[in-house]
Amino acid sequence: MAPIPGSGLAKGLAVTLRTMTKKTVTAQYPNVQPELPPRSRGVIGLFEENCTVCMLCARECPDWCIYIDSHKETLPAAAPGGRERSRNVLDRFAIDFSLCMYCGICIEVCPFDALFWSPEFEYAETDIHELTHERDKLREWMWTVPAPPALDPAAEEPKEIAAARKTADKLAAAQEQAAQDQAAQAQAAQPQAAPEQAPRQEHAAGEPTAEQGQREEGATE
């Protein structure tokens, strides 16, 4: 069926008329901050303690905007006769947000939860070089990362929490067992000390006191 002439114009005018009857709402930004969704992709924060310099984020980044430098340190053996260990030490971690397309691949591939999304978006600069945030700046963004949402009541307990609870239960059981052992040792030591004092008391009872000796001397005289 051929379209009716002028139907497109009528639809456009209908949208215009509906919009004209609505009350206009103006966002008073920057005086009023917008309410962003909890998973907004604003800026990336770095939790440096979790970074193992595995380079996965830098290799998977499609824009190659992550720069990582590191060096290796040799740790002495933990026990005599053990082998020395080497570990990677992070020297530089930077993200060039002038190249970043906010795809979030670096956050998804990080196996140690060292990168997080922050909803902060007010970090525009007049100099493009200032958009390269070094690890100190990335660490500051971590304070703006929102808390994770609560789990569904029917969901399984996270493995990290289960492992931490298991370790805490083992530690509490070990402390309780140690306290019971100490109490048992204290109870076992008390009966052994009583017989040692008993002969002394019997020996002291068999010996005549000074008053008894004076009475016996007066009786003989």
Protein backbone atom coordinates (compact mmCIF):
# COMPACT_ATOMS: atom_id res chain seq x y z
CA MET A 1 0.00 0.00 0.00
CA ALA A 2 1.37 3.35 -1.03
CA PRO A 3 2.03 5.81 1.83
CA ILE A 4 -0.45 8.61 2.25
CA PRO A 5 1.02 11.90 1.08
CA GLY A 6 1.94 14.11 3.98
CA SER A 7 1.85 11.29 6.64
CA GLY A 8 5.48 11.90 7.57
CA LEU A 9 4.81 15.57 8.13
CA ALA A 10 1.79 14.75 10.28
CA LYS A 11 3.80 12.38 12.47
CA GLY A 12 6.49 15.01 12.97
CA LEU A 13 3.93 17.64 13.93
CA ALA A 14 2.31 15.19 16.36
CA VAL A 15 5.66 14.72 18.16
CA THR A 16 6.11 18.50 18.25
CA LEU A 17 2.66 19.02 19.75
CA ARG A 18 3.24 16.37 22.45
CA THR A 19 6.55 17.96 23.38
CA MET A 20 5.08 21.44 23.54
CA THR A 21 2.58 20.39 26.21
CA LYS A 22 5.24 18.92 28.55
CA LYS A 23 6.99 20.90 31.23
CA THR A 24 10.63 21.59 30.47
CA VAL A 25 13.22 20.25 32.91
CA THR A 26 16.66 21.80 33.00
CA ALA A 27 19.55 20.04 34.71
CA GLN A 28 21.21 22.64 36.93
CA TYR A 29 24.70 21.30 36.27
CA PRO A 30 27.31 21.95 37.70
CA ASN A 31 25.47 23.35 40.70
CA VAL A 32 23.50 20.11 41.00
CA GLN A 33 25.37 16.89 40.34
CA PRO A 34 23.58 14.35 38.17
CA GLU A 35 22.43 11.05 39.65
CA LEU A 36 24.50 8.53 37.75
CA PRO A 37 23.85 4.78 37.61
CA PRO A 38 26.05 2.75 39.98
CA ARG A 39 27.94 1.13 37.09
CA SER A 40 28.74 4.35 35.25
CA ARG A 41 32.03 4.33 33.37
CA GLY A 42 33.66 7.56 34.44
CA VAL A 43 37.32 6.92 35.21
CA ILE A 44 39.46 3.90 36.09
CA GLY A 45 40.95 3.51 39.56
CA LEU A 46 44.01 1.41 40.40
CA PHE A 47 44.35 -0.66 43.58
CA GLU A 48 48.12 -0.99 43.44
CA GLU A 49 48.42 -3.63 46.17
CA ASN A 50 46.58 -6.17 44.00
CA CYS A 51 48.62 -5.55 40.85
CA THR A 52 51.10 -8.32 40.05
CA VAL A 53 52.40 -6.73 36.80
CA CYS A 54 50.99 -9.60 34.74
CA MET A 55 50.54 -7.15 31.80
CA LEU A 56 47.18 -8.64 30.80
CA CYS A 57 45.43 -5.27 30.84
CA ALA A 58 48.09 -3.64 28.65
CA ARG A 59 48.09 -6.53 26.15
CA GLU A 60 44.30 -6.70 25.84
CA CYS A 61 43.74 -2.94 25.57
CA PRO A 62 42.58 -2.25 21.97
CA ASP A 63 43.86 1.34 22.13
CA TRP A 64 47.21 0.56 23.74
CA CYS A 65 46.66 3.39 26.22
CA ILE A 66 48.01 1.57 29.31
CA TYR A 67 51.70 1.97 30.09
CA ILE A 68 53.38 -0.33 32.62
CA ASP A 69 57.01 -0.44 33.72
CA SER A 70 58.45 -2.85 36.28
CA HIS A 71 61.60 -4.53 37.48
CA LYS A 72 62.39 -7.81 39.20
CA GLU A 73 63.60 -8.19 42.76
CA THR A 74 65.19 -11.27 44.28
CA LEU A 75 63.85 -12.27 47.68
CA PRO A 76 66.00 -14.30 50.08
CA ALA A 77 64.97 -17.82 50.97
CA ALA A 78 62.30 -18.01 53.63
CA ALA A 79 63.93 -21.03 55.30
CA PRO A 80 67.51 -22.31 55.47
CA GLY A 81 68.31 -24.37 52.41
CA GLY A 82 65.42 -22.89 50.42
CA ARG A 83 65.62 -21.24 47.04
CA GLU A 84 65.56 -17.53 46.37
CA ARG A 85 62.43 -16.14 44.79
CA SER A 86 61.98 -13.32 42.28
CA ARG A 87 58.96 -11.03 42.01
CA ASN A 88 57.88 -8.18 39.78
CA VAL A 89 57.80 -4.72 41.33
CA LEU A 90 55.60 -2.06 39.77
CA ASP A 91 57.47 1.09 38.74
CA ARG A 92 54.89 2.83 36.57
CA PHE A 93 51.22 2.33 35.79
CA ALA A 94 49.61 5.02 33.64
CA ILE A 95 46.45 5.30 31.55
CA ASP A 96 46.09 7.82 28.74
CA PHE A 97 42.42 8.82 28.90
CA SER A 98 42.77 10.87 25.71
CA LEU A 99 43.06 7.51 23.90
CA CYS A 100 40.88 5.36 26.16
CA MET A 101 37.50 4.42 24.67
CA TYR A 102 36.11 3.20 28.03
CA CYS A 103 35.42 -0.34 26.82
CA GLY A 104 36.29 -1.83 30.22
CA ILE A 105 38.27 -4.76 28.80
CA CYS A 106 41.22 -4.03 31.11
CA ILE A 107 38.95 -4.27 34.15
CA GLU A 108 37.34 -7.48 32.95
CA VAL A 109 40.59 -9.31 32.19
CA CYS A 110 42.41 -8.33 35.40
CA PRO A 111 42.66 -11.60 37.37
CA PHE A 112 43.52 -9.92 40.68
CA ASP A 113 40.89 -7.13 40.90
CA ALA A 114 43.36 -4.27 40.63
CA LEU A 115 41.26 -2.04 38.34
CA PHE A 116 37.81 -0.60 39.09
CA TRP A 117 35.31 1.77 37.52
CA SER A 118 34.59 5.05 39.24
CA PRO A 119 31.60 7.24 38.30
CA GLU A 120 33.71 10.41 38.49
CA PHE A 121 33.81 12.20 35.13
CA GLU A 122 35.01 15.71 35.96
CA TYR A 123 38.66 15.46 35.02
CA ALA A 124 38.80 17.52 31.83
CA GLU A 125 42.09 19.29 31.17
CA THR A 126 43.21 22.15 28.95
CA ASP A 127 46.39 20.25 28.10
CA ILE A 128 46.00 16.84 26.51
CA HIS A 129 49.15 15.60 28.23
CA GLU A 130 47.44 16.01 31.59
CA LEU A 131 44.95 13.28 30.64
CA THR A 132 47.66 10.66 31.16
CA HIS A 133 47.06 9.68 34.78
CA GLU A 134 49.97 8.09 36.59
CA ARG A 135 49.53 5.50 39.34
CA ASP A 136 49.33 8.12 42.12
CA LYS A 137 46.40 9.78 40.37
CA LEU A 138 44.81 6.43 39.59
CA ARG A 139 45.14 5.51 43.27
CA GLU A 140 43.24 8.67 44.25
CA TRP A 141 40.33 7.58 42.06
CA MET A 142 39.96 4.45 44.19
CA TRP A 143 38.42 6.55 46.97
CA THR A 144 35.52 7.37 44.64
CA VAL A 145 34.74 3.78 43.66
CA PRO A 146 31.26 2.88 44.99
CA ALA A 147 30.69 -0.17 47.12
CA PRO A 148 29.59 -3.30 45.25
CA PRO A 149 25.87 -4.01 45.23
CA ALA A 150 24.46 -6.50 47.71
CA LEU A 151 24.23 -10.10 46.61
CA ASP A 152 20.94 -11.79 45.92
CA PRO A 153 19.74 -13.67 49.02
CA ALA A 154 19.56 -16.89 47.01
CA ALA A 155 23.04 -16.47 45.50
CA GLU A 156 25.97 -18.61 46.53
CA GLU A 157 28.50 -17.19 48.94
CA PRO A 158 31.58 -15.75 47.20
CA LYS A 159 34.63 -17.97 47.27
CA GLU A 160 36.74 -15.27 48.91
CA ILE A 161 34.33 -14.89 51.83
CA ALA A 162 33.97 -18.66 52.20
CA ALA A 163 37.75 -19.11 52.27
CA ALA A 164 38.16 -16.27 54.80
CA ARG A 165 35.44 -17.72 57.03
CA LYS A 166 37.00 -21.19 56.83
CA THR A 167 40.39 -19.78 57.83
CA ALA A 168 38.84 -17.82 60.71
CA ASP A 169 37.02 -20.95 61.94
CA LYS A 170 40.25 -22.95 61.87
CA LEU A 171 42.07 -20.21 63.80
CA ALA A 172 39.30 -20.01 66.40
CA ALA A 173 39.31 -23.80 66.80
CA ALA A 174 43.09 -23.82 67.22
CA GLN A 175 42.92 -21.08 69.86
CA GLU A 176 40.16 -22.92 71.72
CA GLN A 177 42.16 -26.15 71.64
CA ALA A 178 45.24 -24.35 72.94
CA ALA A 179 43.22 -22.87 75.80
CA GLN A 180 41.84 -26.31 76.67
CA ASP A 181 45.35 -27.79 76.66
CA GLN A 182 46.63 -25.09 78.97
CA ALA A 183 43.72 -25.65 81.35
CA ALA A 184 44.36 -29.40 81.35
CA GLN A 185 48.04 -28.88 82.09
CA ALA A 186 47.20 -26.54 84.96
CA GLN A 187 44.79 -29.08 86.44
CA ALA A 188 47.36 -31.88 86.07
CA ALA A 189 50.02 -29.81 87.84
CA GLN A 190 47.89 -29.09 90.94
CA PRO A 191 47.58 -32.73 92.30
CA GLN A 192 51.35 -33.19 91.95
CA ALA A 193 52.10 -30.17 94.15
CA ALA A 194 49.81 -31.34 97.02
CA PRO A 195 51.73 -34.55 97.95
CA GLU A 196 54.98 -32.58 98.11
CA GLN A 197 53.53 -30.34 100.81
CA ALA A 198 51.91 -33.23 102.75
CA PRO A 199 55.18 -34.85 104.03
CA ARG A 200 56.38 -31.48 105.20
CA GLN A 201 53.21 -30.98 107.19
CA GLU A 202 53.48 -34.51 108.69
CA HIS A 203 57.14 -33.99 109.55
CA ALA A 204 56.33 -30.66 111.16
CA ALA A 205 53.54 -32.32 113.16
CA GLY A 206 55.93 -35.05 114.46
CA GLU A 207 58.55 -32.59 115.70
CA PRO A 208 57.95 -31.12 119.23
CA THR A 209 57.37 -27.42 119.38
CA ALA A 210 59.31 -25.11 121.72
CA GLU A 211 56.41 -24.87 124.20
CA GLN A 212 56.08 -28.66 124.37
CA GLY A 213 59.84 -28.98 125.08
CA GLN A 214 59.70 -26.50 127.95
CA ARG A 215 56.73 -28.33 129.50
CA GLU A 216 58.53 -31.68 129.26
CA GLU A 217 61.67 -30.20 130.92
CA GLY A 218 59.57 -28.75 133.79
CA ALA A 219 57.86 -32.10 134.33
CA THR A 220 61.15 -33.98 134.62
CA GLU A 221 62.51 -31.50 137.17
